[in-house]
N, C-alpha and C. Protein backbone atom coordinates (compact mmCIF):
# COMPACT_ATOMS: atom_id res chain seq x y z
N UNK A 1 0.85 -1.20 0.00
CA UNK A 1 0.00 0.00 0.00
C UNK A 1 0.88 1.24 0.00
N UNK A 2 0.59 2.15 -0.90
CA UNK A 2 1.35 3.39 -0.95
C UNK A 2 0.94 4.28 0.21
N UNK A 3 1.79 5.29 0.43
CA UNK A 3 1.49 6.23 1.52
C UNK A 3 0.20 6.99 1.24
N UNK A 4 -0.02 7.35 -0.04
CA UNK A 4 -1.24 8.08 -0.39
C UNK A 4 -2.48 7.22 -0.12
N UNK A 5 -2.41 5.93 -0.49
CA UNK A 5 -3.55 5.04 -0.23
C UNK A 5 -3.79 4.85 1.26
N UNK A 6 -2.69 4.80 2.02
CA UNK A 6 -2.83 4.68 3.48
C UNK A 6 -3.54 5.89 4.06
N UNK A 7 -3.17 7.08 3.61
CA UNK A 7 -3.80 8.30 4.11
C UNK A 7 -5.28 8.33 3.76
N UNK A 8 -5.60 7.95 2.51
CA UNK A 8 -7.01 7.94 2.10
C UNK A 8 -7.80 6.95 2.93
N UNK A 9 -7.24 5.73 3.14
CA UNK A 9 -7.93 4.72 3.94
C UNK A 9 -8.08 5.17 5.39
N UNK A 10 -7.04 5.80 5.92
CA UNK A 10 -7.08 6.25 7.31
C UNK A 10 -8.19 7.28 7.52
N UNK A 11 -8.20 8.31 6.67
CA UNK A 11 -9.21 9.35 6.84
C UNK A 11 -10.61 8.85 6.45
N UNK A 12 -10.67 7.88 5.51
CA UNK A 12 -11.96 7.29 5.20
C UNK A 12 -12.53 6.54 6.40
N UNK A 13 -11.67 5.80 7.11
CA UNK A 13 -12.11 5.09 8.31
C UNK A 13 -12.54 6.05 9.41
N UNK A 14 -11.76 7.13 9.58
CA UNK A 14 -12.14 8.13 10.57
C UNK A 14 -13.50 8.75 10.25
N UNK A 15 -13.73 9.02 8.97
CA UNK A 15 -15.02 9.60 8.57
C UNK A 15 -16.17 8.64 8.85
N UNK A 16 -15.96 7.36 8.52
CA UNK A 16 -17.01 6.37 8.77
C UNK A 16 -17.30 6.25 10.27
N UNK A 17 -16.25 6.21 11.10
CA UNK A 17 -16.44 6.14 12.55
C UNK A 17 -17.17 7.37 13.06
N UNK A 18 -16.79 8.55 12.54
CA UNK A 18 -17.43 9.79 12.98
C UNK A 18 -18.91 9.81 12.60
N UNK A 19 -19.23 9.30 11.41
CA UNK A 19 -20.64 9.27 10.99
C UNK A 19 -21.47 8.33 11.87
N UNK A 20 -20.89 7.14 12.16
CA UNK A 20 -21.61 6.19 13.01
C UNK A 20 -21.78 6.75 14.41
N UNK A 21 -20.72 7.36 14.95
CA UNK A 21 -20.81 7.94 16.29
C UNK A 21 -21.82 9.08 16.33
N UNK A 22 -21.85 9.88 15.26
CA UNK A 22 -22.81 10.98 15.19
C UNK A 22 -24.24 10.46 15.18
N UNK A 23 -24.46 9.34 14.48
CA UNK A 23 -25.80 8.74 14.46
C UNK A 23 -26.17 8.22 15.85
N UNK A 24 -25.23 7.56 16.54
CA UNK A 24 -25.47 7.12 17.92
C UNK A 24 -25.83 8.31 18.80
N UNK A 25 -25.05 9.39 18.69
CA UNK A 25 -25.26 10.56 19.54
C UNK A 25 -26.59 11.22 19.26
N UNK A 26 -26.95 11.35 17.98
CA UNK A 26 -28.23 11.95 17.62
C UNK A 26 -29.39 11.12 18.15
N UNK A 27 -29.28 9.80 18.04
CA UNK A 27 -30.33 8.93 18.53
C UNK A 27 -30.46 9.03 20.05
N UNK A 28 -29.34 9.06 20.76
CA UNK A 28 -29.38 9.17 22.21
C UNK A 28 -29.97 10.51 22.64
N UNK A 29 -29.61 11.59 21.95
CA UNK A 29 -30.17 12.91 22.28
C UNK A 29 -31.67 12.94 22.04
N UNK A 30 -32.12 12.32 20.96
CA UNK A 30 -33.55 12.23 20.67
C UNK A 30 -34.28 11.50 21.81
N UNK A 31 -33.73 10.36 22.23
CA UNK A 31 -34.37 9.59 23.30
C UNK A 31 -34.34 10.35 24.62
N UNK A 32 -33.28 11.10 24.86
CA UNK A 32 -33.18 11.84 26.12
C UNK A 32 -34.29 12.86 26.27
N UNK A 33 -34.76 13.44 25.17
CA UNK A 33 -35.77 14.49 25.24
C UNK A 33 -37.18 14.02 24.92
N UNK A 34 -37.34 12.81 24.33
CA UNK A 34 -38.65 12.41 23.82
C UNK A 34 -39.14 11.03 24.24
N UNK A 35 -38.27 10.19 24.75
CA UNK A 35 -38.66 8.79 25.00
C UNK A 35 -38.67 8.50 26.50
N UNK A 36 -39.74 7.83 26.95
CA UNK A 36 -39.86 7.36 28.34
C UNK A 36 -39.73 8.50 29.34
N UNK A 37 -40.31 9.64 29.01
CA UNK A 37 -40.37 10.74 29.96
C UNK A 37 -41.50 10.49 30.95
N UNK A 38 -41.44 11.15 32.09
CA UNK A 38 -42.48 10.99 33.10
C UNK A 38 -43.55 12.06 32.93
N UNK A 39 -44.75 11.76 33.42
CA UNK A 39 -45.84 12.71 33.45
C UNK A 39 -46.75 12.40 34.61
N UNK A 40 -47.49 13.41 35.09
CA UNK A 40 -48.41 13.19 36.21
C UNK A 40 -49.60 14.12 36.06
N UNK A 41 -50.79 13.58 36.37
CA UNK A 41 -52.04 14.34 36.27
C UNK A 41 -52.94 14.00 37.45
N UNK A 42 -53.79 14.97 37.82
CA UNK A 42 -54.90 14.70 38.72
C UNK A 42 -56.10 14.30 37.87
N UNK A 43 -56.67 13.14 38.14
CA UNK A 43 -57.82 12.62 37.39
C UNK A 43 -59.04 12.62 38.31
N UNK A 44 -59.96 13.57 38.13
CA UNK A 44 -61.10 13.67 39.05
C UNK A 44 -62.02 12.46 38.99
N UNK A 45 -62.07 11.74 37.86
CA UNK A 45 -62.96 10.60 37.74
C UNK A 45 -62.63 9.47 38.69
N UNK A 46 -61.34 9.37 39.07
CA UNK A 46 -60.93 8.32 40.02
C UNK A 46 -60.35 8.92 41.30
N UNK A 47 -60.37 10.25 41.40
CA UNK A 47 -59.92 10.97 42.59
C UNK A 47 -58.50 10.57 43.00
N UNK A 48 -57.63 10.62 42.02
CA UNK A 48 -56.23 10.31 42.33
C UNK A 48 -55.31 10.91 41.27
N UNK A 49 -54.06 11.12 41.67
CA UNK A 49 -52.99 11.46 40.73
C UNK A 49 -52.48 10.18 40.10
N UNK A 50 -52.03 10.28 38.85
CA UNK A 50 -51.31 9.18 38.22
C UNK A 50 -49.96 9.70 37.76
N UNK A 51 -48.91 9.06 38.28
CA UNK A 51 -47.55 9.34 37.84
C UNK A 51 -47.16 8.21 36.90
N UNK A 52 -46.86 8.54 35.63
CA UNK A 52 -46.71 7.51 34.61
C UNK A 52 -45.41 7.67 33.84
N UNK A 53 -44.97 6.55 33.24
CA UNK A 53 -43.98 6.60 32.16
C UNK A 53 -44.75 6.83 30.88
N UNK A 54 -44.45 7.93 30.20
CA UNK A 54 -45.21 8.30 29.01
C UNK A 54 -44.77 7.48 27.79
N UNK A 55 -45.74 6.78 27.18
CA UNK A 55 -45.46 6.10 25.91
C UNK A 55 -46.63 6.23 24.94
N UNK A 56 -47.66 6.98 25.33
CA UNK A 56 -48.79 7.20 24.43
C UNK A 56 -48.40 7.94 23.15
N UNK A 57 -47.50 8.94 23.22
CA UNK A 57 -47.16 9.64 21.97
C UNK A 57 -46.41 8.79 20.95
N UNK A 58 -45.86 7.63 21.37
CA UNK A 58 -45.02 6.84 20.48
C UNK A 58 -45.75 5.57 20.03
N UNK A 59 -45.35 5.07 18.87
CA UNK A 59 -45.82 3.78 18.40
C UNK A 59 -44.89 2.66 18.80
N UNK A 60 -43.66 3.01 19.19
CA UNK A 60 -42.68 1.99 19.56
C UNK A 60 -42.92 1.43 20.95
N UNK A 61 -42.47 0.20 21.16
CA UNK A 61 -42.61 -0.46 22.46
C UNK A 61 -41.47 -0.07 23.40
N UNK A 62 -41.74 -0.21 24.69
CA UNK A 62 -40.71 -0.16 25.73
C UNK A 62 -40.63 -1.53 26.38
N UNK A 63 -39.42 -1.98 26.68
CA UNK A 63 -39.24 -3.30 27.26
C UNK A 63 -38.33 -3.22 28.48
N UNK A 64 -38.27 -4.37 29.21
CA UNK A 64 -37.37 -4.52 30.37
C UNK A 64 -37.53 -3.37 31.35
N UNK A 65 -38.77 -3.09 31.75
CA UNK A 65 -39.07 -1.96 32.62
C UNK A 65 -38.99 -2.40 34.07
N UNK A 66 -38.32 -1.62 34.88
CA UNK A 66 -38.33 -1.80 36.33
C UNK A 66 -38.41 -0.42 36.98
N UNK A 67 -39.08 -0.36 38.14
CA UNK A 67 -39.26 0.95 38.78
C UNK A 67 -39.35 0.81 40.29
N UNK A 68 -39.15 1.94 40.96
CA UNK A 68 -39.21 2.01 42.41
C UNK A 68 -39.75 3.39 42.81
N UNK A 69 -40.57 3.43 43.85
CA UNK A 69 -41.12 4.67 44.38
C UNK A 69 -40.85 4.70 45.88
N UNK A 70 -40.40 5.86 46.40
CA UNK A 70 -40.11 5.93 47.82
C UNK A 70 -40.21 7.38 48.31
N UNK A 71 -40.26 7.52 49.63
CA UNK A 71 -40.20 8.82 50.30
C UNK A 71 -38.78 9.04 50.79
N UNK A 72 -38.27 10.26 50.59
CA UNK A 72 -36.89 10.55 50.99
C UNK A 72 -36.85 11.71 51.99
N UNK A 73 -36.11 11.48 53.07
CA UNK A 73 -35.80 12.52 54.04
C UNK A 73 -34.30 12.81 53.96
N UNK A 74 -33.95 14.08 53.85
CA UNK A 74 -32.55 14.47 53.77
C UNK A 74 -32.10 14.95 55.15
N UNK A 75 -31.20 14.21 55.75
CA UNK A 75 -30.62 14.61 57.04
C UNK A 75 -29.35 15.40 56.74
N UNK A 76 -29.35 16.66 57.08
CA UNK A 76 -28.23 17.52 56.72
C UNK A 76 -26.96 17.15 57.49
N UNK A 77 -25.84 17.49 56.87
CA UNK A 77 -24.54 17.17 57.45
C UNK A 77 -24.35 17.82 58.81
N UNK A 78 -23.54 17.20 59.63
CA UNK A 78 -23.22 17.71 60.96
C UNK A 78 -21.70 17.65 61.15
N UNK A 79 -21.21 18.22 62.23
CA UNK A 79 -19.77 18.10 62.47
C UNK A 79 -19.31 16.65 62.58
N UNK A 80 -20.23 15.74 62.99
CA UNK A 80 -19.86 14.33 63.14
C UNK A 80 -20.01 13.55 61.82
N UNK A 81 -20.92 14.02 60.93
CA UNK A 81 -21.14 13.37 59.63
C UNK A 81 -20.97 14.43 58.56
N UNK A 82 -19.97 14.29 57.71
CA UNK A 82 -19.56 15.39 56.82
C UNK A 82 -20.38 15.51 55.55
N UNK A 83 -21.33 14.58 55.32
CA UNK A 83 -22.14 14.63 54.11
C UNK A 83 -23.61 14.49 54.49
N UNK A 84 -24.51 14.99 53.60
CA UNK A 84 -25.93 14.79 53.81
C UNK A 84 -26.27 13.29 53.74
N UNK A 85 -27.23 12.87 54.53
CA UNK A 85 -27.64 11.47 54.57
C UNK A 85 -29.07 11.35 54.06
N UNK A 86 -29.30 10.43 53.11
CA UNK A 86 -30.63 10.19 52.57
C UNK A 86 -31.27 9.01 53.32
N UNK A 87 -32.41 9.26 53.92
CA UNK A 87 -33.16 8.22 54.61
C UNK A 87 -34.40 7.93 53.76
N UNK A 88 -34.47 6.73 53.18
CA UNK A 88 -35.51 6.38 52.22
C UNK A 88 -36.49 5.37 52.81
N UNK A 89 -37.78 5.58 52.52
CA UNK A 89 -38.84 4.65 52.93
C UNK A 89 -39.56 4.19 51.67
N UNK A 90 -39.43 2.91 51.33
CA UNK A 90 -40.01 2.40 50.10
C UNK A 90 -41.54 2.40 50.15
N UNK A 91 -42.13 2.75 49.01
CA UNK A 91 -43.58 2.68 48.83
C UNK A 91 -43.94 1.47 48.00
N UNK A 92 -43.28 1.31 46.84
CA UNK A 92 -43.53 0.11 46.03
C UNK A 92 -42.42 -0.04 44.99
N UNK A 93 -42.32 -1.24 44.46
CA UNK A 93 -41.44 -1.55 43.34
C UNK A 93 -42.23 -2.39 42.35
N UNK A 94 -41.74 -2.44 41.09
CA UNK A 94 -42.46 -3.24 40.10
C UNK A 94 -41.64 -3.45 38.86
N UNK A 95 -42.14 -4.34 38.00
CA UNK A 95 -41.50 -4.65 36.73
C UNK A 95 -42.56 -4.83 35.66
N UNK A 96 -42.15 -4.64 34.44
CA UNK A 96 -43.03 -4.89 33.29
C UNK A 96 -42.15 -5.36 32.14
N UNK A 97 -42.50 -6.47 31.52
CA UNK A 97 -41.69 -7.01 30.42
C UNK A 97 -41.83 -6.16 29.17
N UNK A 98 -43.08 -5.80 28.83
CA UNK A 98 -43.34 -5.11 27.57
C UNK A 98 -44.46 -4.09 27.76
N UNK A 99 -44.20 -2.85 27.36
CA UNK A 99 -45.22 -1.81 27.33
C UNK A 99 -45.43 -1.40 25.88
N UNK A 100 -46.57 -1.74 25.29
CA UNK A 100 -46.80 -1.41 23.88
C UNK A 100 -46.88 0.10 23.64
N UNK A 101 -46.64 0.49 22.40
CA UNK A 101 -46.83 1.88 22.02
C UNK A 101 -48.26 2.31 22.21
N UNK A 102 -48.44 3.64 22.36
CA UNK A 102 -49.76 4.24 22.59
C UNK A 102 -50.34 3.86 23.94
N UNK A 103 -49.45 3.47 24.90
CA UNK A 103 -49.89 3.20 26.27
C UNK A 103 -48.92 3.84 27.24
N UNK A 104 -49.46 4.36 28.35
CA UNK A 104 -48.64 4.82 29.46
C UNK A 104 -48.60 3.74 30.54
N UNK A 105 -47.56 3.79 31.38
CA UNK A 105 -47.46 2.85 32.50
C UNK A 105 -47.52 3.63 33.81
N UNK A 106 -48.61 3.51 34.58
CA UNK A 106 -48.66 4.18 35.89
C UNK A 106 -47.67 3.55 36.87
N UNK A 107 -46.81 4.38 37.44
CA UNK A 107 -45.91 3.91 38.49
C UNK A 107 -46.56 4.03 39.86
N UNK A 108 -47.37 5.09 40.04
CA UNK A 108 -48.04 5.30 41.32
C UNK A 108 -49.32 6.08 41.08
N UNK A 109 -50.41 5.57 41.66
CA UNK A 109 -51.68 6.28 41.73
C UNK A 109 -51.89 6.67 43.19
N UNK A 110 -52.20 7.93 43.46
CA UNK A 110 -52.21 8.38 44.85
C UNK A 110 -53.01 9.67 44.99
N UNK A 111 -53.32 9.99 46.22
CA UNK A 111 -53.90 11.28 46.58
C UNK A 111 -53.45 11.63 48.00
N UNK A 112 -53.65 12.87 48.37
CA UNK A 112 -53.30 13.32 49.71
C UNK A 112 -54.55 13.51 50.55
N UNK A 113 -54.42 13.19 51.84
CA UNK A 113 -55.50 13.42 52.79
C UNK A 113 -54.93 14.14 54.01
N UNK A 114 -55.74 14.99 54.60
CA UNK A 114 -55.32 15.71 55.80
C UNK A 114 -56.26 15.39 56.95
N UNK A 115 -55.72 15.36 58.15
CA UNK A 115 -56.49 15.21 59.38
C UNK A 115 -55.83 16.11 60.41
N UNK A 116 -56.37 17.30 60.56
CA UNK A 116 -55.70 18.29 61.40
C UNK A 116 -54.43 18.76 60.75
N UNK A 117 -53.33 18.65 61.47
CA UNK A 117 -52.02 19.04 60.91
C UNK A 117 -51.30 17.88 60.25
N UNK A 118 -51.89 16.68 60.30
CA UNK A 118 -51.25 15.50 59.72
C UNK A 118 -51.57 15.40 58.23
N UNK A 119 -50.60 14.90 57.48
CA UNK A 119 -50.75 14.71 56.03
C UNK A 119 -50.43 13.27 55.70
N UNK A 120 -51.29 12.65 54.89
CA UNK A 120 -51.08 11.25 54.50
C UNK A 120 -51.06 11.12 52.99
N UNK A 121 -50.23 10.21 52.51
CA UNK A 121 -50.20 9.82 51.11
C UNK A 121 -50.99 8.52 50.98
N UNK A 122 -52.10 8.58 50.29
CA UNK A 122 -52.95 7.40 50.11
C UNK A 122 -52.65 6.80 48.74
N UNK A 123 -52.11 5.59 48.71
CA UNK A 123 -51.84 4.88 47.46
C UNK A 123 -53.12 4.19 47.02
N UNK A 124 -53.46 4.31 45.73
CA UNK A 124 -54.69 3.73 45.21
C UNK A 124 -54.39 2.84 44.01
N UNK A 125 -55.40 2.08 43.58
CA UNK A 125 -55.29 1.41 42.30
C UNK A 125 -55.70 2.38 41.20
N UNK A 126 -55.77 1.92 39.96
CA UNK A 126 -56.06 2.82 38.84
C UNK A 126 -57.45 3.43 38.92
N UNK A 127 -58.36 2.79 39.65
CA UNK A 127 -59.73 3.27 39.76
C UNK A 127 -59.96 4.07 41.04
N UNK A 128 -58.88 4.35 41.76
CA UNK A 128 -58.99 5.21 42.93
C UNK A 128 -59.29 4.51 44.23
N UNK A 129 -59.29 3.16 44.26
CA UNK A 129 -59.55 2.44 45.49
C UNK A 129 -58.27 2.37 46.34
N UNK A 130 -58.33 2.75 47.62
CA UNK A 130 -57.11 2.77 48.45
C UNK A 130 -56.50 1.39 48.62
N UNK A 131 -55.18 1.33 48.54
CA UNK A 131 -54.44 0.08 48.77
C UNK A 131 -53.38 0.23 49.85
N UNK A 132 -53.13 1.44 50.30
CA UNK A 132 -52.13 1.67 51.33
C UNK A 132 -52.09 3.12 51.73
N UNK A 133 -51.51 3.41 52.88
CA UNK A 133 -51.43 4.78 53.38
C UNK A 133 -50.09 4.99 54.07
N UNK A 134 -49.47 6.16 53.80
CA UNK A 134 -48.18 6.51 54.36
C UNK A 134 -48.26 7.91 54.97
N UNK A 135 -47.75 8.05 56.17
CA UNK A 135 -47.73 9.36 56.83
C UNK A 135 -46.62 10.22 56.24
N UNK A 136 -46.98 11.45 55.90
CA UNK A 136 -45.99 12.41 55.39
C UNK A 136 -45.67 13.38 56.51
N UNK A 137 -44.56 13.13 57.19
CA UNK A 137 -44.14 14.04 58.25
C UNK A 137 -43.49 15.29 57.69
N UNK A 138 -43.31 16.26 58.55
CA UNK A 138 -42.66 17.50 58.11
C UNK A 138 -41.21 17.27 57.69
N UNK A 139 -40.62 16.17 58.17
CA UNK A 139 -39.22 15.90 57.84
C UNK A 139 -39.04 15.32 56.45
N UNK A 140 -40.12 14.84 55.81
CA UNK A 140 -40.02 14.25 54.46
C UNK A 140 -39.76 15.36 53.45
N UNK A 141 -38.77 15.16 52.60
CA UNK A 141 -38.40 16.18 51.61
C UNK A 141 -38.91 15.89 50.21
N UNK A 142 -38.95 14.61 49.81
CA UNK A 142 -39.29 14.30 48.42
C UNK A 142 -40.13 13.03 48.33
N UNK A 143 -40.99 13.00 47.33
CA UNK A 143 -41.60 11.78 46.82
C UNK A 143 -40.81 11.42 45.57
N UNK A 144 -40.11 10.27 45.59
CA UNK A 144 -39.13 9.94 44.57
C UNK A 144 -39.63 8.82 43.65
N UNK A 145 -39.23 8.92 42.36
CA UNK A 145 -39.56 7.91 41.36
C UNK A 145 -38.30 7.59 40.57
N UNK A 146 -38.03 6.29 40.42
CA UNK A 146 -36.85 5.84 39.67
C UNK A 146 -37.28 4.71 38.75
N UNK A 147 -36.83 4.76 37.49
CA UNK A 147 -37.17 3.66 36.59
C UNK A 147 -36.12 3.53 35.49
N UNK A 148 -36.10 2.34 34.90
CA UNK A 148 -35.25 2.08 33.75
C UNK A 148 -36.07 1.33 32.70
N UNK A 149 -35.81 1.63 31.42
CA UNK A 149 -36.51 0.97 30.32
C UNK A 149 -35.51 0.75 29.19
N UNK A 150 -35.91 -0.09 28.24
CA UNK A 150 -35.14 -0.25 27.01
C UNK A 150 -36.05 0.13 25.84
N UNK A 151 -35.52 0.94 24.94
CA UNK A 151 -36.30 1.43 23.80
C UNK A 151 -35.50 1.28 22.52
N UNK A 152 -36.22 1.06 21.43
CA UNK A 152 -35.59 1.00 20.10
C UNK A 152 -35.95 2.28 19.36
N UNK A 153 -34.96 2.89 18.73
CA UNK A 153 -35.17 4.16 18.04
C UNK A 153 -34.74 4.04 16.58
N UNK A 154 -35.58 4.57 15.71
CA UNK A 154 -35.29 4.57 14.27
C UNK A 154 -35.07 3.16 13.73
N UNK A 155 -35.70 2.17 14.33
CA UNK A 155 -35.63 0.77 13.89
C UNK A 155 -34.21 0.21 13.92
N UNK A 156 -33.29 0.88 14.61
CA UNK A 156 -31.88 0.47 14.53
C UNK A 156 -31.19 0.46 15.88
N UNK A 157 -31.30 1.57 16.62
CA UNK A 157 -30.54 1.71 17.86
C UNK A 157 -31.38 1.29 19.06
N UNK A 158 -30.78 0.51 19.95
CA UNK A 158 -31.42 0.18 21.22
C UNK A 158 -30.79 1.03 22.32
N UNK A 159 -31.65 1.58 23.17
CA UNK A 159 -31.18 2.46 24.23
C UNK A 159 -31.66 1.94 25.59
N UNK A 160 -30.77 1.94 26.56
CA UNK A 160 -31.14 1.73 27.95
C UNK A 160 -31.31 3.12 28.58
N UNK A 161 -32.51 3.40 29.07
CA UNK A 161 -32.85 4.72 29.58
C UNK A 161 -33.20 4.60 31.06
N UNK A 162 -32.50 5.35 31.90
CA UNK A 162 -32.78 5.36 33.34
C UNK A 162 -33.02 6.80 33.77
N UNK A 163 -34.03 6.99 34.61
CA UNK A 163 -34.36 8.34 35.06
C UNK A 163 -34.75 8.31 36.54
N UNK A 164 -34.47 9.42 37.23
CA UNK A 164 -34.93 9.64 38.60
C UNK A 164 -35.68 10.97 38.63
N UNK A 165 -36.90 10.93 39.14
CA UNK A 165 -37.71 12.14 39.30
C UNK A 165 -38.05 12.33 40.77
N UNK A 166 -38.36 13.56 41.14
CA UNK A 166 -38.75 13.85 42.51
C UNK A 166 -39.84 14.91 42.52
N UNK A 167 -40.80 14.74 43.42
CA UNK A 167 -41.79 15.77 43.71
C UNK A 167 -41.44 16.31 45.10
N UNK A 168 -40.99 17.57 45.19
CA UNK A 168 -40.54 18.09 46.48
C UNK A 168 -41.71 18.49 47.37
N UNK A 169 -41.56 18.24 48.66
CA UNK A 169 -42.57 18.76 49.59
C UNK A 169 -42.37 20.25 49.82
N UNK A 170 -41.11 20.69 49.77
CA UNK A 170 -40.80 22.10 50.04
C UNK A 170 -40.09 22.71 48.84
N UNK A 171 -40.44 23.94 48.55
CA UNK A 171 -39.79 24.67 47.46
C UNK A 171 -39.88 26.16 47.78
N UNK A 172 -38.82 26.88 47.46
CA UNK A 172 -38.82 28.32 47.72
C UNK A 172 -39.60 29.05 46.65
N UNK A 173 -40.67 29.72 47.06
CA UNK A 173 -41.52 30.49 46.16
C UNK A 173 -41.79 31.86 46.77
N UNK A 174 -41.71 32.88 45.93
CA UNK A 174 -41.98 34.24 46.37
C UNK A 174 -41.12 34.63 47.56
N UNK A 175 -39.88 34.15 47.54
CA UNK A 175 -38.93 34.53 48.57
C UNK A 175 -39.01 33.78 49.87
N UNK A 176 -39.91 32.78 49.98
CA UNK A 176 -39.97 32.00 51.21
C UNK A 176 -40.33 30.55 50.88
N UNK A 177 -39.99 29.67 51.81
CA UNK A 177 -40.20 28.24 51.58
C UNK A 177 -41.66 27.88 51.76
N UNK A 178 -42.18 27.15 50.77
CA UNK A 178 -43.59 26.77 50.77
C UNK A 178 -43.70 25.24 50.79
N UNK A 179 -44.78 24.74 51.40
CA UNK A 179 -45.10 23.32 51.39
C UNK A 179 -45.96 23.05 50.15
N UNK A 180 -45.37 22.45 49.12
CA UNK A 180 -46.09 22.24 47.86
C UNK A 180 -47.19 21.20 47.99
N UNK A 181 -46.99 20.20 48.84
CA UNK A 181 -48.04 19.19 49.00
C UNK A 181 -49.33 19.84 49.49
N UNK A 182 -49.21 20.71 50.50
CA UNK A 182 -50.41 21.32 51.07
C UNK A 182 -50.90 22.52 50.27
N UNK A 183 -49.99 23.33 49.75
CA UNK A 183 -50.40 24.55 49.07
C UNK A 183 -50.79 24.31 47.62
N UNK A 184 -50.15 23.35 46.95
CA UNK A 184 -50.34 23.18 45.51
C UNK A 184 -51.08 21.89 45.16
N UNK A 185 -50.63 20.75 45.71
CA UNK A 185 -51.19 19.48 45.27
C UNK A 185 -52.57 19.21 45.87
N UNK A 186 -52.77 19.48 47.14
CA UNK A 186 -54.09 19.25 47.73
C UNK A 186 -55.16 20.11 47.06
N UNK A 187 -54.93 21.40 46.79
CA UNK A 187 -55.95 22.17 46.06
C UNK A 187 -56.21 21.66 44.65
N UNK A 188 -55.24 20.92 44.05
CA UNK A 188 -55.47 20.35 42.71
C UNK A 188 -56.51 19.23 42.74
N UNK A 189 -56.75 18.67 43.93
CA UNK A 189 -57.66 17.53 44.05
C UNK A 189 -59.11 18.03 43.99
N UNK A 190 -59.51 18.44 42.79
CA UNK A 190 -60.82 19.04 42.56
C UNK A 190 -61.54 18.26 41.46
N UNK A 191 -62.52 18.89 40.83
CA UNK A 191 -63.30 18.25 39.77
C UNK A 191 -62.74 18.53 38.37
N UNK A 192 -61.55 19.11 38.31
CA UNK A 192 -60.94 19.46 37.03
C UNK A 192 -59.65 18.67 36.84
N UNK A 193 -59.46 18.06 35.68
CA UNK A 193 -58.23 17.34 35.38
C UNK A 193 -57.10 18.34 35.14
N UNK A 194 -55.98 18.14 35.82
CA UNK A 194 -54.86 19.07 35.72
C UNK A 194 -53.54 18.31 35.70
N UNK A 195 -52.56 18.84 34.97
CA UNK A 195 -51.22 18.23 35.03
C UNK A 195 -50.47 18.70 36.27
N UNK A 196 -49.66 17.81 36.82
CA UNK A 196 -48.78 18.19 37.93
C UNK A 196 -47.50 18.76 37.34
N UNK A 197 -47.17 19.99 37.71
CA UNK A 197 -46.04 20.68 37.12
C UNK A 197 -44.79 20.66 38.00
N UNK A 198 -44.94 20.37 39.29
CA UNK A 198 -43.81 20.46 40.21
C UNK A 198 -43.04 19.15 40.26
N UNK A 199 -42.54 18.71 39.10
CA UNK A 199 -41.75 17.48 39.00
C UNK A 199 -40.33 17.85 38.59
N UNK A 200 -39.36 17.38 39.35
CA UNK A 200 -37.96 17.68 39.07
C UNK A 200 -37.27 16.42 38.57
N UNK A 201 -36.59 16.52 37.43
CA UNK A 201 -35.78 15.39 36.95
C UNK A 201 -34.42 15.49 37.62
N UNK A 202 -34.15 14.58 38.55
CA UNK A 202 -32.90 14.61 39.31
C UNK A 202 -31.72 14.13 38.46
N UNK A 203 -31.92 13.07 37.72
CA UNK A 203 -30.81 12.48 36.98
C UNK A 203 -31.35 11.61 35.86
N UNK A 204 -30.50 11.40 34.85
CA UNK A 204 -30.86 10.47 33.79
C UNK A 204 -29.60 9.89 33.18
N UNK A 205 -29.74 8.71 32.60
CA UNK A 205 -28.64 8.03 31.94
C UNK A 205 -29.18 7.38 30.68
N UNK A 206 -28.61 7.74 29.53
CA UNK A 206 -29.03 7.18 28.24
C UNK A 206 -27.81 6.51 27.62
N UNK A 207 -27.90 5.20 27.38
CA UNK A 207 -26.79 4.49 26.76
C UNK A 207 -27.28 3.80 25.48
N UNK A 208 -26.36 3.51 24.60
CA UNK A 208 -26.66 2.85 23.34
C UNK A 208 -26.17 1.41 23.42
N UNK A 209 -27.07 0.48 23.11
CA UNK A 209 -26.71 -0.94 23.05
C UNK A 209 -26.58 -1.36 21.60
N UNK A 210 -25.42 -1.84 21.23
CA UNK A 210 -25.18 -2.24 19.84
C UNK A 210 -25.50 -3.71 19.69
């Protein structure tokens, strides 16, 4: 092989690798913004919120789904413990082999109830029937959701998608800290269907499986 042929082959290989990598990156970026995102709504017909993995907008399937829901209390660092400590209380876990396109997967159906100064998280089935109850103390900071799915994009790339979402109990609004569960979510429990907007995406990981 002549030196000129070597240079042509070398740069041709680099170009091919760059094109393939660019396609991987574009597909991963597409999935990061459009695939297996979370959503939550108050549904007055069943008197509960539904927190779901969104797949209704897509025709493609999601597979190998696993999820976990829990309450998190953040214990702030002290002179004796140099880092914040997360104290988690599990609500539920689950798995699903296959979620067809044009369907959402509810991770948690729930509503809030108050009795005096006490606040409870009532877990329900899809039709609003109670299946469990958890006390929400003032020390609880977040209602957490974690899930992983596998998705195929553009009929070619397979992606493992993992996300963590949180609904905070406290958030600074109008210059002071507000209790969102009591001020925002409980008033949403009315006769009007509404989306829940106070959802924070804590972290996500999108990988390409060849």
